[in-house]
Amino acid sequence: MTIRKRYVTSQGWELERFADLLDACGKNGYRSLGLSLCLGDGTTWKDAVQVEKDYKQKLLNGLQELEHGGIQETVGMRYFYSDNSSLGGVIAGIAMNYVLDEKKPLFSLTRKETDDEIHVSCRGNQHLVKQGLDLGAAMKNVAGELGGFGGGHKIAAGATIAFGKEKEFIQKVDIMLVQQMQG
């Protein structure tokens, strides 16, 4: 058993739970609901709990899709397509830590046809970083070469590229990751 200090709002809401609800509201486009909670509107708590429940179900569905053949693989990376860019990044992070082996980073690609863009979110692990992985540099360099933008950290990064450049992006990132891992 772990004993630790818990913080509670004046309404009696435990702050860690409150943060989870705000996170689910923000990641699912219910920002006004999250704001209502922050302003102390207790009548919205139940709605936020439902948003969080739906969000967790989306995460589970995404992980199940990965387990059932939703991942494609190249020499230096794995990738999948997601309908939601922020959800894809979270799924990639969970999959890297709990579902997949530690051999290759995982990329989520979201096609935003209305914006004529592809949003990329990628996750690695400490094992890969020790071998030379730098996802932030890879995203910055390759996206920049293709007229997009990217960056981040060695272990987690993202990029936005023009729609129609995804095959070239995957090829270039794959080459760069293989080079990084070979030192």
Foldseek 3Di string as FASTA:
>chain_A
DDDDDWDADPVGHTVVVLVLLLVLCVQVVNNVLNVCVVVPVPVSPVVSVVSSVVLVVVLVVVLVCVVVPQWDDDPAAIEGEDQGQVSQQVSQVCCCVPNDDQRHKYKYWHDDVVVQKIKIKIFHDPVLVVLQAFVQVLQQVLQVVQVWHWGDGRGIIMIMHGRPCVVVSVVSSRVVSVVRNVD
